[in-house]
Amino acid sequence: MSYYIGVSPGDVIGTLSKRYFYGLRRTDNGEVFHGKYDQLRAESLTINNSGESIDNYNNFEEGQDFFEGRDVNHEIVYDNLNYEQFRWDSRNLTYSISANGDFIVKTNG
């Protein structure tokens, strides 16, 4: 049996409506990169890369999804934004791309 002083891990998990952050970006060469962040781990995540502050995305909020990192001409909207699209979810998901180019998501629980 475990005893806690203060907030227990179960209490922390219960307060997070969307625990996992998933970010997606691609290079000009078409390479796709995916980032995953679990709020309950001691991990770090870069939202804006170094550069002029005018090129930053400043409306980042925990739990808010964002899908407008490229405009209608497929140009990057915020030059410093590390992930062109991101979403939050309460589930632990694994994303991958198959040999046929299909985007696949697997639910881990």
PDB file of N, CA and C in Angstrom:
ATOM      1  N   MET A   1       0.842  -1.178   0.000  1.00  0.00           N
ATOM      2  CA  MET A   1       0.000   0.000   0.000  1.00  0.00           C
ATOM      3  C   MET A   1       0.882   1.234   0.000  1.00  0.00           C
ATOM      4  N   SER A   2       0.453   2.251  -0.728  1.00  0.00           N
ATOM      5  CA  SER A   2       1.207   3.500  -0.825  1.00  0.00           C
ATOM      6  C   SER A   2       0.449   4.609  -0.120  1.00  0.00           C
ATOM      7  N   TYR A   3       1.206   5.490   0.501  1.00  0.00           N
ATOM      8  CA  TYR A   3       0.636   6.651   1.167  1.00  0.00           C
ATOM      9  C   TYR A   3       1.233   7.905   0.557  1.00  0.00           C
ATOM     10  N   TYR A   4       0.421   8.929   0.406  1.00  0.00           N
ATOM     11  CA  TYR A   4       0.869  10.177  -0.201  1.00  0.00           C
ATOM     12  C   TYR A   4       0.589  11.335   0.727  1.00  0.00           C
ATOM     13  N   ILE A   5       1.507  12.260   0.737  1.00  0.00           N
ATOM     14  CA  ILE A   5       1.277  13.540   1.400  1.00  0.00           C
ATOM     15  C   ILE A   5       0.993  14.530   0.287  1.00  0.00           C
ATOM     16  N   GLY A   6      -0.147  15.151   0.322  1.00  0.00           N
ATOM     17  CA  GLY A   6      -0.518  16.072  -0.748  1.00  0.00           C
ATOM     18  C   GLY A   6      -1.336  15.365  -1.804  1.00  0.00           C
ATOM     19  N   VAL A   7      -1.078  15.683  -3.043  1.00  0.00           N
ATOM     20  CA  VAL A   7      -1.863  15.179  -4.175  1.00  0.00           C
ATOM     21  C   VAL A   7      -1.296  13.834  -4.645  1.00  0.00           C
ATOM     22  N   SER A   8      -2.170  12.841  -4.779  1.00  0.00           N
ATOM     23  CA  SER A   8      -1.748  11.520  -5.259  1.00  0.00           C
ATOM     24  C   SER A   8      -1.721  11.500  -6.785  1.00  0.00           C
ATOM     25  N   PRO A   9      -0.999  10.547  -7.388  1.00  0.00           N
ATOM     26  CA  PRO A   9      -1.013  10.437  -8.850  1.00  0.00           C
ATOM     27  C   PRO A   9      -2.427  10.265  -9.414  1.00  0.00           C
ATOM     28  N   GLY A  10      -3.275   9.531  -8.719  1.00  0.00           N
ATOM     29  CA  GLY A  10      -4.658   9.353  -9.172  1.00  0.00           C
ATOM     30  C   GLY A  10      -5.419  10.661  -9.218  1.00  0.00           C
ATOM     31  N   ASP A  11      -5.164  11.543  -8.242  1.00  0.00           N
ATOM     32  CA  ASP A  11      -5.807  12.854  -8.236  1.00  0.00           C
ATOM     33  C   ASP A  11      -5.328  13.707  -9.405  1.00  0.00           C
ATOM     34  N   VAL A  12      -4.037  13.633  -9.695  1.00  0.00           N
ATOM     35  CA  VAL A  12      -3.481  14.406 -10.814  1.00  0.00           C
ATOM     36  C   VAL A  12      -4.071  13.932 -12.123  1.00  0.00           C
ATOM     37  N   ILE A  13      -4.113  12.630 -12.336  1.00  0.00           N
ATOM     38  CA  ILE A  13      -4.664  12.082 -13.571  1.00  0.00           C
ATOM     39  C   ILE A  13      -6.130  12.469 -13.719  1.00  0.00           C
ATOM     40  N   GLY A  14      -6.864  12.485 -12.633  1.00  0.00           N
ATOM     41  CA  GLY A  14      -8.277  12.842 -12.675  1.00  0.00           C
ATOM     42  C   GLY A  14      -8.536  14.285 -13.072  1.00  0.00           C
ATOM     43  N   THR A  15      -7.563  15.174 -12.880  1.00  0.00           N
ATOM     44  CA  THR A  15      -7.762  16.585 -13.220  1.00  0.00           C
ATOM     45  C   THR A  15      -7.377  16.902 -14.655  1.00  0.00           C
ATOM     46  N   LEU A  16      -6.697  15.994 -15.343  1.00  0.00           N
ATOM     47  CA  LEU A  16      -6.280  16.238 -16.719  1.00  0.00           C
ATOM     48  C   LEU A  16      -7.336  15.707 -17.672  1.00  0.00           C
ATOM     49  N   SER A  17      -8.014  16.610 -18.364  1.00  0.00           N
ATOM     50  CA  SER A  17      -9.019  16.145 -19.322  1.00  0.00           C
ATOM     51  C   SER A  17      -8.349  15.645 -20.596  1.00  0.00           C
ATOM     52  N   LYS A  18      -7.201  16.241 -20.938  1.00  0.00           N
ATOM     53  CA  LYS A  18      -6.463  15.822 -22.122  1.00  0.00           C
ATOM     54  C   LYS A  18      -4.989  15.732 -21.739  1.00  0.00           C
ATOM     55  N   ARG A  19      -4.534  14.538 -21.472  1.00  0.00           N
ATOM     56  CA  ARG A  19      -3.204  14.293 -20.918  1.00  0.00           C
ATOM     57  C   ARG A  19      -2.100  14.312 -21.978  1.00  0.00           C
ATOM     58  N   TYR A  20      -2.396  13.858 -23.198  1.00  0.00           N
ATOM     59  CA  TYR A  20      -1.367  13.668 -24.226  1.00  0.00           C
ATOM     60  C   TYR A  20      -1.442  14.745 -25.304  1.00  0.00           C
ATOM     61  N   PHE A  21      -0.277  15.267 -25.680  1.00  0.00           N
ATOM     62  CA  PHE A  21      -0.130  16.217 -26.778  1.00  0.00           C
ATOM     63  C   PHE A  21       0.471  15.473 -27.963  1.00  0.00           C
ATOM     64  N   TYR A  22      -0.112  15.654 -29.157  1.00  0.00           N
ATOM     65  CA  TYR A  22       0.397  15.043 -30.386  1.00  0.00           C
ATOM     66  C   TYR A  22       0.642  16.145 -31.404  1.00  0.00           C
ATOM     67  N   GLY A  23       1.883  16.255 -31.890  1.00  0.00           N
ATOM     68  CA  GLY A  23       2.234  17.279 -32.861  1.00  0.00           C
ATOM     69  C   GLY A  23       2.716  16.652 -34.159  1.00  0.00           C
ATOM     70  N   LEU A  24       2.424  17.325 -35.281  1.00  0.00           N
ATOM     71  CA  LEU A  24       2.796  16.826 -36.594  1.00  0.00           C
ATOM     72  C   LEU A  24       3.415  17.970 -37.399  1.00  0.00           C
ATOM     73  N   ARG A  25       4.535  17.679 -38.052  1.00  0.00           N
ATOM     74  CA  ARG A  25       5.167  18.654 -38.935  1.00  0.00           C
ATOM     75  C   ARG A  25       5.831  17.914 -40.085  1.00  0.00           C
ATOM     76  N   ARG A  26       6.126  18.634 -41.147  1.00  0.00           N
ATOM     77  CA  ARG A  26       6.831  18.036 -42.263  1.00  0.00           C
ATOM     78  C   ARG A  26       7.864  19.022 -42.792  1.00  0.00           C
ATOM     79  N   THR A  27       8.898  18.486 -43.412  1.00  0.00           N
ATOM     80  CA  THR A  27       9.946  19.319 -43.989  1.00  0.00           C
ATOM     81  C   THR A  27       9.578  19.672 -45.427  1.00  0.00           C
ATOM     82  N   ASP A  28      10.353  20.564 -46.021  1.00  0.00           N
ATOM     83  CA  ASP A  28      10.129  20.914 -47.428  1.00  0.00           C
ATOM     84  C   ASP A  28      10.383  19.725 -48.343  1.00  0.00           C
ATOM     85  N   ASN A  29      11.154  18.743 -47.865  1.00  0.00           N
ATOM     86  CA  ASN A  29      11.419  17.517 -48.638  1.00  0.00           C
ATOM     87  C   ASN A  29      10.315  16.484 -48.481  1.00  0.00           C
ATOM     88  N   GLY A  30       9.298  16.771 -47.655  1.00  0.00           N
ATOM     89  CA  GLY A  30       8.180  15.862 -47.479  1.00  0.00           C
ATOM     90  C   GLY A  30       8.324  14.877 -46.335  1.00  0.00           C
ATOM     91  N   GLU A  31       9.410  14.965 -45.557  1.00  0.00           N
ATOM     92  CA  GLU A  31       9.562  14.074 -44.405  1.00  0.00           C
ATOM     93  C   GLU A  31       8.572  14.488 -43.322  1.00  0.00           C
ATOM     94  N   VAL A  32       7.916  13.509 -42.712  1.00  0.00           N
ATOM     95  CA  VAL A  32       6.918  13.769 -41.680  1.00  0.00           C
ATOM     96  C   VAL A  32       7.501  13.425 -40.313  1.00  0.00           C
ATOM     97  N   PHE A  33       7.316  14.344 -39.362  1.00  0.00           N
ATOM     98  CA  PHE A  33       7.768  14.123 -37.987  1.00  0.00           C
ATOM     99  C   PHE A  33       6.583  14.237 -37.049  1.00  0.00           C
ATOM    100  N   HIS A  34       6.574  13.363 -36.055  1.00  0.00           N
ATOM    101  CA  HIS A  34       5.486  13.316 -35.088  1.00  0.00           C
ATOM    102  C   HIS A  34       6.073  13.442 -33.686  1.00  0.00           C
ATOM    103  N   GLY A  35       5.474  14.282 -32.862  1.00  0.00           N
ATOM    104  CA  GLY A  35       5.907  14.416 -31.475  1.00  0.00           C
ATOM    105  C   GLY A  35       4.783  14.042 -30.536  1.00  0.00           C
ATOM    106  N   LYS A  36       5.140  13.417 -29.430  1.00  0.00           N
ATOM    107  CA  LYS A  36       4.154  13.014 -28.424  1.00  0.00           C
ATOM    108  C   LYS A  36       4.675  13.451 -27.068  1.00  0.00           C
ATOM    109  N   TYR A  37       3.800  14.033 -26.266  1.00  0.00           N
ATOM    110  CA  TYR A  37       4.170  14.530 -24.949  1.00  0.00           C
ATOM    111  C   TYR A  37       3.134  14.071 -23.938  1.00  0.00           C
ATOM    112  N   ASP A  38       3.595  13.459 -22.862  1.00  0.00           N
ATOM    113  CA  ASP A  38       2.733  13.007 -21.768  1.00  0.00           C
ATOM    114  C   ASP A  38       2.927  13.977 -20.615  1.00  0.00           C
ATOM    115  N   GLN A  39       1.870  14.656 -20.203  1.00  0.00           N
ATOM    116  CA  GLN A  39       1.971  15.671 -19.155  1.00  0.00           C
ATOM    117  C   GLN A  39       2.389  15.108 -17.800  1.00  0.00           C
ATOM    118  N   LEU A  40       2.240  13.812 -17.595  1.00  0.00           N
ATOM    119  CA  LEU A  40       2.592  13.235 -16.304  1.00  0.00           C
ATOM    120  C   LEU A  40       4.048  12.790 -16.230  1.00  0.00           C
ATOM    121  N   ARG A  41       4.794  12.960 -17.301  1.00  0.00           N
ATOM    122  CA  ARG A  41       6.218  12.613 -17.307  1.00  0.00           C
ATOM    123  C   ARG A  41       7.045  13.891 -17.273  1.00  0.00           C
ATOM    124  N   ALA A  42       8.261  13.758 -16.845  1.00  0.00           N
ATOM    125  CA  ALA A  42       9.167  14.910 -16.810  1.00  0.00           C
ATOM    126  C   ALA A  42       9.810  15.078 -18.178  1.00  0.00           C
ATOM    127  N   GLU A  43       9.012  15.484 -19.152  1.00  0.00           N
ATOM    128  CA  GLU A  43       9.479  15.676 -20.516  1.00  0.00           C
ATOM    129  C   GLU A  43       9.343  17.151 -20.878  1.00  0.00           C
ATOM    130  N   SER A  44      10.043  17.561 -21.908  1.00  0.00           N
ATOM    131  CA  SER A  44       9.892  18.928 -22.387  1.00  0.00           C
ATOM    132  C   SER A  44       9.427  18.903 -23.840  1.00  0.00           C
ATOM    133  N   LEU A  45       8.842  19.994 -24.260  1.00  0.00           N
ATOM    134  CA  LEU A  45       8.290  20.106 -25.595  1.00  0.00           C
ATOM    135  C   LEU A  45       8.535  21.519 -26.095  1.00  0.00           C
ATOM    136  N   THR A  46       9.048  21.664 -27.295  1.00  0.00           N
ATOM    137  CA  THR A  46       9.295  22.973 -27.887  1.00  0.00           C
ATOM    138  C   THR A  46       8.138  23.328 -28.804  1.00  0.00           C
ATOM    139  N   ILE A  47       7.434  24.402 -28.485  1.00  0.00           N
ATOM    140  CA  ILE A  47       6.339  24.875 -29.329  1.00  0.00           C
ATOM    141  C   ILE A  47       6.887  25.783 -30.420  1.00  0.00           C
ATOM    142  N   ASN A  48       7.678  26.790 -30.039  1.00  0.00           N
ATOM    143  CA  ASN A  48       8.297  27.707 -30.996  1.00  0.00           C
ATOM    144  C   ASN A  48       9.802  27.512 -30.989  1.00  0.00           C
ATOM    145  N   ASN A  49      10.390  27.366 -32.170  1.00  0.00           N
ATOM    146  CA  ASN A  49      11.835  27.314 -32.301  1.00  0.00           C
ATOM    147  C   ASN A  49      12.404  28.723 -32.155  1.00  0.00           C
ATOM    148  N   SER A  50      13.707  28.832 -32.002  1.00  0.00           N
ATOM    149  CA  SER A  50      14.359  30.134 -31.887  1.00  0.00           C
ATOM    150  C   SER A  50      14.148  30.944 -33.155  1.00  0.00           C
ATOM    151  N   GLY A  51      14.043  32.257 -32.985  1.00  0.00           N
ATOM    152  CA  GLY A  51      13.867  33.147 -34.129  1.00  0.00           C
ATOM    153  C   GLY A  51      13.188  34.429 -33.701  1.00  0.00           C
ATOM    154  N   GLU A  52      12.830  35.249 -34.671  1.00  0.00           N
ATOM    155  CA  GLU A  52      12.142  36.510 -34.400  1.00  0.00           C
ATOM    156  C   GLU A  52      10.798  36.244 -33.737  1.00  0.00           C
ATOM    157  N   SER A  53      10.465  37.013 -32.726  1.00  0.00           N
ATOM    158  CA  SER A  53       9.225  36.774 -31.980  1.00  0.00           C
ATOM    159  C   SER A  53       7.977  36.976 -32.835  1.00  0.00           C
ATOM    160  N   ILE A  54       8.070  37.757 -33.881  1.00  0.00           N
ATOM    161  CA  ILE A  54       6.916  37.975 -34.761  1.00  0.00           C
ATOM    162  C   ILE A  54       6.520  36.688 -35.498  1.00  0.00           C
ATOM    163  N   ASP A  55       7.465  35.751 -35.629  1.00  0.00           N
ATOM    164  CA  ASP A  55       7.201  34.480 -36.312  1.00  0.00           C
ATOM    165  C   ASP A  55       6.740  33.382 -35.364  1.00  0.00           C
ATOM    166  N   ASN A  56       6.521  33.700 -34.080  1.00  0.00           N
ATOM    167  CA  ASN A  56       6.069  32.729 -33.087  1.00  0.00           C
ATOM    168  C   ASN A  56       4.561  32.531 -33.153  1.00  0.00           C
ATOM    169  N   TYR A  57       4.133  31.378 -32.714  1.00  0.00           N
ATOM    170  CA  TYR A  57       2.705  31.118 -32.483  1.00  0.00           C
ATOM    171  C   TYR A  57       2.463  31.385 -31.008  1.00  0.00           C
ATOM    172  N   ASN A  58       1.651  32.395 -30.697  1.00  0.00           N
ATOM    173  CA  ASN A  58       1.480  32.846 -29.306  1.00  0.00           C
ATOM    174  C   ASN A  58       0.162  32.429 -28.669  1.00  0.00           C
ATOM    175  N   ASN A  59      -0.686  31.709 -29.374  1.00  0.00           N
ATOM    176  CA  ASN A  59      -2.000  31.360 -28.835  1.00  0.00           C
ATOM    177  C   ASN A  59      -2.057  29.945 -28.281  1.00  0.00           C
ATOM    178  N   PHE A  60      -0.921  29.387 -27.904  1.00  0.00           N
ATOM    179  CA  PHE A  60      -0.891  28.028 -27.387  1.00  0.00           C
ATOM    180  C   PHE A  60      -1.615  27.944 -26.049  1.00  0.00           C
ATOM    181  N   GLU A  61      -2.550  27.002 -25.955  1.00  0.00           N
ATOM    182  CA  GLU A  61      -3.262  26.728 -24.708  1.00  0.00           C
ATOM    183  C   GLU A  61      -3.374  25.226 -24.536  1.00  0.00           C
ATOM    184  N   GLU A  62      -3.154  24.772 -23.321  1.00  0.00           N
ATOM    185  CA  GLU A  62      -3.301  23.349 -23.022  1.00  0.00           C
ATOM    186  C   GLU A  62      -4.719  22.907 -23.356  1.00  0.00           C
ATOM    187  N   GLY A  63      -4.825  21.813 -24.100  1.00  0.00           N
ATOM    188  CA  GLY A  63      -6.128  21.253 -24.452  1.00  0.00           C
ATOM    189  C   GLY A  63      -6.731  21.795 -25.734  1.00  0.00           C
ATOM    190  N   GLN A  64      -6.156  22.848 -26.320  1.00  0.00           N
ATOM    191  CA  GLN A  64      -6.686  23.429 -27.551  1.00  0.00           C
ATOM    192  C   GLN A  64      -5.975  22.852 -28.768  1.00  0.00           C
ATOM    193  N   ASP A  65      -6.729  22.288 -29.694  1.00  0.00           N
ATOM    194  CA  ASP A  65      -6.169  21.724 -30.920  1.00  0.00           C
ATOM    195  C   ASP A  65      -5.867  22.841 -31.923  1.00  0.00           C
ATOM    196  N   PHE A  66      -4.911  22.588 -32.829  1.00  0.00           N
ATOM    197  CA  PHE A  66      -4.494  23.582 -33.821  1.00  0.00           C
ATOM    198  C   PHE A  66      -4.163  22.869 -35.130  1.00  0.00           C
ATOM    199  N   PHE A  67      -4.801  23.283 -36.224  1.00  0.00           N
ATOM    200  CA  PHE A  67      -4.596  22.632 -37.516  1.00  0.00           C
ATOM    201  C   PHE A  67      -4.301  23.624 -38.641  1.00  0.00           C
ATOM    202  N   GLU A  68      -4.004  24.891 -38.313  1.00  0.00           N
ATOM    203  CA  GLU A  68      -3.808  25.917 -39.337  1.00  0.00           C
ATOM    204  C   GLU A  68      -2.362  26.363 -39.474  1.00  0.00           C
ATOM    205  N   GLY A  69      -1.416  25.428 -39.427  1.00  0.00           N
ATOM    206  CA  GLY A  69      -0.002  25.768 -39.535  1.00  0.00           C
ATOM    207  C   GLY A  69       0.452  26.057 -40.953  1.00  0.00           C
ATOM    208  N   ARG A  70      -0.380  25.727 -41.939  1.00  0.00           N
ATOM    209  CA  ARG A  70      -0.091  26.051 -43.346  1.00  0.00           C
ATOM    210  C   ARG A  70      -1.329  26.712 -43.939  1.00  0.00           C
ATOM    211  N   ASP A  71      -1.087  27.654 -44.865  1.00  0.00           N
ATOM    212  CA  ASP A  71      -2.212  28.362 -45.486  1.00  0.00           C
ATOM    213  C   ASP A  71      -2.743  27.583 -46.695  1.00  0.00           C
ATOM    214  N   VAL A  72      -3.655  28.197 -47.452  1.00  0.00           N
ATOM    215  CA  VAL A  72      -4.275  27.519 -48.589  1.00  0.00           C
ATOM    216  C   VAL A  72      -3.269  27.201 -49.687  1.00  0.00           C
ATOM    217  N   ASN A  73      -2.142  27.901 -49.717  1.00  0.00           N
ATOM    218  CA  ASN A  73      -1.082  27.634 -50.700  1.00  0.00           C
ATOM    219  C   ASN A  73      -0.014  26.703 -50.137  1.00  0.00           C
ATOM    220  N   HIS A  74      -0.281  26.099 -48.986  1.00  0.00           N
ATOM    221  CA  HIS A  74       0.610  25.157 -48.312  1.00  0.00           C
ATOM    222  C   HIS A  74       1.895  25.818 -47.808  1.00  0.00           C
ATOM    223  N   GLU A  75       1.857  27.128 -47.592  1.00  0.00           N
ATOM    224  CA  GLU A  75       2.998  27.850 -47.026  1.00  0.00           C
ATOM    225  C   GLU A  75       2.866  27.870 -45.509  1.00  0.00           C
ATOM    226  N   ILE A  76       3.994  27.814 -44.823  1.00  0.00           N
ATOM    227  CA  ILE A  76       3.999  27.839 -43.360  1.00  0.00           C
ATOM    228  C   ILE A  76       3.526  29.204 -42.870  1.00  0.00           C
ATOM    229  N   VAL A  77       2.598  29.213 -41.918  1.00  0.00           N
ATOM    230  CA  VAL A  77       2.018  30.445 -41.398  1.00  0.00           C
ATOM    231  C   VAL A  77       2.915  31.058 -40.321  1.00  0.00           C
ATOM    232  N   TYR A  78       3.415  30.255 -39.395  1.00  0.00           N
ATOM    233  CA  TYR A  78       4.281  30.714 -38.314  1.00  0.00           C
ATOM    234  C   TYR A  78       5.643  30.056 -38.488  1.00  0.00           C
ATOM    235  N   ASP A  79       6.642  30.827 -38.909  1.00  0.00           N
ATOM    236  CA  ASP A  79       7.952  30.263 -39.230  1.00  0.00           C
ATOM    237  C   ASP A  79       8.618  29.550 -38.056  1.00  0.00           C
ATOM    238  N   ASN A  80       8.373  29.991 -36.834  1.00  0.00           N
ATOM    239  CA  ASN A  80       9.032  29.390 -35.667  1.00  0.00           C
ATOM    240  C   ASN A  80       8.253  28.234 -35.051  1.00  0.00           C
ATOM    241  N   LEU A  81       7.019  28.045 -35.455  1.00  0.00           N
ATOM    242  CA  LEU A  81       6.180  26.991 -34.866  1.00  0.00           C
ATOM    243  C   LEU A  81       6.760  25.624 -35.196  1.00  0.00           C
ATOM    244  N   ASN A  82       7.030  24.842 -34.176  1.00  0.00           N
ATOM    245  CA  ASN A  82       7.672  23.535 -34.353  1.00  0.00           C
ATOM    246  C   ASN A  82       6.726  22.493 -34.938  1.00  0.00           C
ATOM    247  N   TYR A  83       5.447  22.547 -34.597  1.00  0.00           N
ATOM    248  CA  TYR A  83       4.462  21.593 -35.104  1.00  0.00           C
ATOM    249  C   TYR A  83       3.370  22.350 -35.860  1.00  0.00           C
ATOM    250  N   GLU A  84       3.187  22.038 -37.134  1.00  0.00           N
ATOM    251  CA  GLU A  84       2.200  22.727 -37.967  1.00  0.00           C
ATOM    252  C   GLU A  84       0.774  22.383 -37.563  1.00  0.00           C
ATOM    253  N   GLN A  85       0.608  21.210 -36.988  1.00  0.00           N
ATOM    254  CA  GLN A  85      -0.683  20.780 -36.479  1.00  0.00           C
ATOM    255  C   GLN A  85      -0.449  20.091 -35.145  1.00  0.00           C
ATOM    256  N   PHE A  86      -1.355  20.317 -34.209  1.00  0.00           N
ATOM    257  CA  PHE A  86      -1.277  19.544 -32.966  1.00  0.00           C
ATOM    258  C   PHE A  86      -2.656  19.368 -32.378  1.00  0.00           C
ATOM    259  N   ARG A  87      -2.753  18.321 -31.592  1.00  0.00           N
ATOM    260  CA  ARG A  87      -4.014  18.013 -30.926  1.00  0.00           C
ATOM    261  C   ARG A  87      -3.733  17.416 -29.560  1.00  0.00           C
ATOM    262  N   TRP A  88      -4.720  17.443 -28.711  1.00  0.00           N
ATOM    263  CA  TRP A  88      -4.647  16.871 -27.367  1.00  0.00           C
ATOM    264  C   TRP A  88      -5.635  15.726 -27.281  1.00  0.00           C
ATOM    265  N   ASP A  89      -5.315  14.727 -26.466  1.00  0.00           N
ATOM    266  CA  ASP A  89      -6.230  13.601 -26.290  1.00  0.00           C
ATOM    267  C   ASP A  89      -6.036  13.021 -24.897  1.00  0.00           C
ATOM    268  N   SER A  90      -7.077  12.442 -24.367  1.00  0.00           N
ATOM    269  CA  SER A  90      -6.981  11.782 -23.059  1.00  0.00           C
ATOM    270  C   SER A  90      -6.455  10.358 -23.192  1.00  0.00           C
ATOM    271  N   ARG A  91      -6.379   9.845 -24.437  1.00  0.00           N
ATOM    272  CA  ARG A  91      -5.935   8.475 -24.676  1.00  0.00           C
ATOM    273  C   ARG A  91      -4.475   8.433 -25.122  1.00  0.00           C
ATOM    274  N   ASN A  92      -3.806   7.345 -24.774  1.00  0.00           N
ATOM    275  CA  ASN A  92      -2.431   7.100 -25.206  1.00  0.00           C
ATOM    276  C   ASN A  92      -2.481   6.457 -26.584  1.00  0.00           C
ATOM    277  N   LEU A  93      -2.134   7.217 -27.620  1.00  0.00           N
ATOM    278  CA  LEU A  93      -2.238   6.758 -29.002  1.00  0.00           C
ATOM    279  C   LEU A  93      -0.855   6.610 -29.616  1.00  0.00           C
ATOM    280  N   THR A  94      -0.741   5.702 -30.572  1.00  0.00           N
ATOM    281  CA  THR A  94       0.493   5.537 -31.339  1.00  0.00           C
ATOM    282  C   THR A  94       0.158   5.764 -32.803  1.00  0.00           C
ATOM    283  N   TYR A  95       0.833   6.732 -33.419  1.00  0.00           N
ATOM    284  CA  TYR A  95       0.634   7.039 -34.830  1.00  0.00           C
ATOM    285  C   TYR A  95       1.790   6.473 -35.647  1.00  0.00           C
ATOM    286  N   SER A  96       1.481   6.013 -36.861  1.00  0.00           N
ATOM    287  CA  SER A  96       2.522   5.526 -37.769  1.00  0.00           C
ATOM    288  C   SER A  96       2.024   5.665 -39.208  1.00  0.00           C
ATOM    289  N   ILE A  97       2.948   5.463 -40.137  1.00  0.00           N
ATOM    290  CA  ILE A  97       2.613   5.490 -41.553  1.00  0.00           C
ATOM    291  C   ILE A  97       3.008   4.137 -42.136  1.00  0.00           C
ATOM    292  N   SER A  98       2.066   3.485 -42.820  1.00  0.00           N
ATOM    293  CA  SER A  98       2.310   2.154 -43.379  1.00  0.00           C
ATOM    294  C   SER A  98       3.172   2.255 -44.639  1.00  0.00           C
ATOM    295  N   ALA A  99       3.616   1.110 -45.133  1.00  0.00           N
ATOM    296  CA  ALA A  99       4.408   1.063 -46.364  1.00  0.00           C
ATOM    297  C   ALA A  99       3.614   1.593 -47.555  1.00  0.00           C
ATOM    298  N   ASN A 100       2.280   1.553 -47.478  1.00  0.00           N
ATOM    299  CA  ASN A 100       1.421   2.068 -48.549  1.00  0.00           C
ATOM    300  C   ASN A 100       1.161   3.571 -48.419  1.00  0.00           C
ATOM    301  N   GLY A 101       1.680   4.188 -47.344  1.00  0.00           N
ATOM    302  CA  GLY A 101       1.478   5.617 -47.135  1.00  0.00           C
ATOM    303  C   GLY A 101       0.237   5.952 -46.338  1.00  0.00           C
ATOM    304  N   ASP A 102      -0.423   4.943 -45.756  1.00  0.00           N
ATOM    305  CA  ASP A 102      -1.604   5.171 -44.937  1.00  0.00           C
ATOM    306  C   ASP A 102      -1.204   5.666 -43.555  1.00  0.00           C
ATOM    307  N   PHE A 103      -1.929   6.651 -43.033  1.00  0.00           N
ATOM    308  CA  PHE A 103      -1.691   7.172 -41.690  1.00  0.00           C
ATOM    309  C   PHE A 103      -2.503   6.332 -40.720  1.00  0.00           C
ATOM    310  N   ILE A 104      -1.842   5.687 -39.759  1.00  0.00           N
ATOM    311  CA  ILE A 104      -2.485   4.709 -38.878  1.00  0.00           C
ATOM    312  C   ILE A 104      -2.407   5.198 -37.430  1.00  0.00           C
ATOM    313  N   VAL A 105      -3.469   4.992 -36.677  1.00  0.00           N
ATOM    314  CA  VAL A 105      -3.478   5.294 -35.249  1.00  0.00           C
ATOM    315  C   VAL A 105      -3.877   4.025 -34.496  1.00  0.00           C
ATOM    316  N   LYS A 106      -3.119   3.719 -33.440  1.00  0.00           N
ATOM    317  CA  LYS A 106      -3.413   2.559 -32.604  1.00  0.00           C
ATOM    318  C   LYS A 106      -3.692   3.055 -31.193  1.00  0.00           C
ATOM    319  N   THR A 107      -4.785   2.579 -30.606  1.00  0.00           N
ATOM    320  CA  THR A 107      -5.163   2.968 -29.253  1.00  0.00           C
ATOM    321  C   THR A 107      -4.500   2.030 -28.254  1.00  0.00           C
ATOM    322  N   ASN A 108      -3.750   2.617 -27.307  1.00  0.00           N
ATOM    323  CA  ASN A 108      -3.059   1.824 -26.291  1.00  0.00           C
ATOM    324  C   ASN A 108      -3.829   1.779 -24.984  1.00  0.00           C
ATOM    325  N   GLY A 109      -4.886   2.483 -24.878  1.00  0.00           N
ATOM    326  CA  GLY A 109      -5.660   2.479 -23.641  1.00  0.00           C
ATOM    327  C   GLY A 109      -5.911   3.835 -23.118  1.00  0.00           C
TER     328      GLY A 109
END
